[in-house]
Amino acid sequence: MADGEVTMKLDAKALERLRQAADAAGQPVEQYAAELISDYLVPDDSLAEDLKILEEYDRTGISYSVEEAMAVFDAAVKRRFEGSLTLTATRS
């Protein structure tokens, strides 16, 4: 097996589903399959961020409910856009 190459055997049903999904995405089957595998196996940066949040919780014991977090988010959005949005109602 060459570096970066893998040969896989799929049953007929799985292969057909893969082909259909690749066609729908407008990609060659091999490229589509490689992207699926890469996206599934390669962690994104959010895992590191989640671990930092967990470490902070373990250190302090402080946590926030979804409602508290959304209230902070809503207030930040309101402050950011205060005075910058103008809504105009029109009648047709």
C-alpha atoms as a PDB file:
ATOM      1  CA  MET A   1       0.000   0.000   0.000  1.00  0.00           C
ATOM      2  CA  ALA A   2       1.420   3.381  -1.019  1.00  0.00           C
ATOM      3  CA  ASP A   3       1.436   6.284   1.402  1.00  0.00           C
ATOM      4  CA  GLY A   4      -1.972   7.940   1.491  1.00  0.00           C
ATOM      5  CA  GLU A   5      -3.682   5.104  -0.344  1.00  0.00           C
ATOM      6  CA  VAL A   6      -6.187   2.628   1.037  1.00  0.00           C
ATOM      7  CA  THR A   7      -8.260   0.081  -0.807  1.00  0.00           C
ATOM      8  CA  MET A   8     -11.602  -0.729   0.756  1.00  0.00           C
ATOM      9  CA  LYS A   9     -14.202  -3.307  -0.133  1.00  0.00           C
ATOM     10  CA  LEU A  10     -17.817  -2.295   0.331  1.00  0.00           C
ATOM     11  CA  ASP A  11     -20.924  -4.381  -0.110  1.00  0.00           C
ATOM     12  CA  ALA A  12     -23.107  -3.462  -3.098  1.00  0.00           C
ATOM     13  CA  LYS A  13     -25.648  -1.565  -1.008  1.00  0.00           C
ATOM     14  CA  ALA A  14     -23.027   0.574   0.766  1.00  0.00           C
ATOM     15  CA  LEU A  15     -21.228   1.280  -2.511  1.00  0.00           C
ATOM     16  CA  GLU A  16     -24.454   2.423  -4.151  1.00  0.00           C
ATOM     17  CA  ARG A  17     -25.248   4.727  -1.223  1.00  0.00           C
ATOM     18  CA  LEU A  18     -21.725   6.155  -1.426  1.00  0.00           C
ATOM     19  CA  ARG A  19     -22.061   6.720  -5.183  1.00  0.00           C
ATOM     20  CA  GLN A  20     -25.419   8.436  -4.763  1.00  0.00           C
ATOM     21  CA  ALA A  21     -24.102  10.701  -2.015  1.00  0.00           C
ATOM     22  CA  ALA A  22     -21.006  11.596  -4.037  1.00  0.00           C
ATOM     23  CA  ASP A  23     -23.154  12.354  -7.094  1.00  0.00           C
ATOM     24  CA  ALA A  24     -25.422  14.573  -5.003  1.00  0.00           C
ATOM     25  CA  ALA A  25     -22.346  16.430  -3.713  1.00  0.00           C
ATOM     26  CA  GLY A  26     -20.961  16.729  -7.248  1.00  0.00           C
ATOM     27  CA  GLN A  27     -17.727  14.955  -6.317  1.00  0.00           C
ATOM     28  CA  PRO A  28     -15.892  11.849  -7.462  1.00  0.00           C
ATOM     29  CA  VAL A  29     -16.590   8.862  -5.205  1.00  0.00           C
ATOM     30  CA  GLU A  30     -12.980   8.611  -4.026  1.00  0.00           C
ATOM     31  CA  GLN A  31     -12.809  12.301  -3.075  1.00  0.00           C
ATOM     32  CA  TYR A  32     -16.173  12.187  -1.323  1.00  0.00           C
ATOM     33  CA  ALA A  33     -15.221   9.080   0.678  1.00  0.00           C
ATOM     34  CA  ALA A  34     -11.849  10.584   1.638  1.00  0.00           C
ATOM     35  CA  GLU A  35     -13.537  13.760   2.888  1.00  0.00           C
ATOM     36  CA  LEU A  36     -16.093  11.778   4.899  1.00  0.00           C
ATOM     37  CA  ILE A  37     -13.359   9.771   6.571  1.00  0.00           C
ATOM     38  CA  SER A  38     -11.182  12.815   7.197  1.00  0.00           C
ATOM     39  CA  ASP A  39     -14.055  14.835   8.657  1.00  0.00           C
ATOM     40  CA  TYR A  40     -15.020  11.964  10.939  1.00  0.00           C
ATOM     41  CA  LEU A  41     -11.558  10.939  12.114  1.00  0.00           C
ATOM     42  CA  VAL A  42      -9.640  14.209  12.259  1.00  0.00           C
ATOM     43  CA  PRO A  43     -10.718  16.243  15.286  1.00  0.00           C
ATOM     44  CA  ASP A  44     -11.404  19.905  14.745  1.00  0.00           C
ATOM     45  CA  ASP A  45     -10.292  22.729  17.009  1.00  0.00           C
ATOM     46  CA  SER A  46     -13.539  22.650  18.971  1.00  0.00           C
ATOM     47  CA  LEU A  47     -12.318  19.622  20.918  1.00  0.00           C
ATOM     48  CA  ALA A  48      -9.395  21.620  22.305  1.00  0.00           C
ATOM     49  CA  GLU A  49     -11.767  24.457  23.230  1.00  0.00           C
ATOM     50  CA  ASP A  50     -14.166  22.008  24.906  1.00  0.00           C
ATOM     51  CA  LEU A  51     -11.307  20.539  26.956  1.00  0.00           C
ATOM     52  CA  LYS A  52     -10.263  24.041  28.089  1.00  0.00           C
ATOM     53  CA  ILE A  53     -13.833  24.710  29.222  1.00  0.00           C
ATOM     54  CA  LEU A  54     -13.934  21.394  31.093  1.00  0.00           C
ATOM     55  CA  GLU A  55     -10.603  22.121  32.788  1.00  0.00           C
ATOM     56  CA  GLU A  56     -11.927  25.533  33.891  1.00  0.00           C
ATOM     57  CA  TYR A  57     -15.044  23.890  35.322  1.00  0.00           C
ATOM     58  CA  ASP A  58     -12.942  21.261  37.123  1.00  0.00           C
ATOM     59  CA  ARG A  59     -10.741  24.034  38.550  1.00  0.00           C
ATOM     60  CA  THR A  60     -13.497  26.427  39.671  1.00  0.00           C
ATOM     61  CA  GLY A  61     -16.689  24.372  39.853  1.00  0.00           C
ATOM     62  CA  ILE A  62     -18.535  27.249  38.195  1.00  0.00           C
ATOM     63  CA  SER A  63     -21.035  26.408  35.501  1.00  0.00           C
ATOM     64  CA  TYR A  64     -23.770  28.299  33.689  1.00  0.00           C
ATOM     65  CA  SER A  65     -27.203  27.173  32.576  1.00  0.00           C
ATOM     66  CA  VAL A  66     -28.208  27.508  28.949  1.00  0.00           C
ATOM     67  CA  GLU A  67     -30.585  30.288  29.970  1.00  0.00           C
ATOM     68  CA  GLU A  68     -27.772  32.231  31.666  1.00  0.00           C
ATOM     69  CA  ALA A  69     -25.451  31.784  28.699  1.00  0.00           C
ATOM     70  CA  MET A  70     -28.146  32.879  26.225  1.00  0.00           C
ATOM     71  CA  ALA A  71     -28.924  35.971  28.335  1.00  0.00           C
ATOM     72  CA  VAL A  72     -25.253  36.981  28.193  1.00  0.00           C
ATOM     73  CA  PHE A  73     -25.153  36.288  24.443  1.00  0.00           C
ATOM     74  CA  ASP A  74     -28.356  38.244  23.787  1.00  0.00           C
ATOM     75  CA  ALA A  75     -27.074  41.216  25.785  1.00  0.00           C
ATOM     76  CA  ALA A  76     -23.763  41.190  23.884  1.00  0.00           C
ATOM     77  CA  VAL A  77     -25.567  41.108  20.530  1.00  0.00           C
ATOM     78  CA  LYS A  78     -27.873  43.917  21.607  1.00  0.00           C
ATOM     79  CA  ARG A  79     -24.920  46.083  22.727  1.00  0.00           C
ATOM     80  CA  ARG A  80     -23.043  45.412  19.506  1.00  0.00           C
ATOM     81  CA  PHE A  81     -25.889  46.326  17.205  1.00  0.00           C
ATOM     82  CA  GLU A  82     -27.572  49.005  19.294  1.00  0.00           C
ATOM     83  CA  GLY A  83     -28.271  51.968  17.063  1.00  0.00           C
ATOM     84  CA  SER A  84     -26.822  50.308  13.978  1.00  0.00           C
ATOM     85  CA  LEU A  85     -29.977  48.560  12.802  1.00  0.00           C
ATOM     86  CA  THR A  86     -32.793  50.375  11.141  1.00  0.00           C
ATOM     87  CA  LEU A  87     -35.862  48.394  10.298  1.00  0.00           C
ATOM     88  CA  THR A  88     -38.301  49.779   7.801  1.00  0.00           C
ATOM     89  CA  ALA A  89     -41.731  48.312   7.355  1.00  0.00           C
ATOM     90  CA  THR A  90     -43.250  48.546   3.893  1.00  0.00           C
ATOM     91  CA  ARG A  91     -46.697  47.783   2.674  1.00  0.00           C
ATOM     92  CA  SER A  92     -47.365  46.162  -0.606  1.00  0.00           C
END
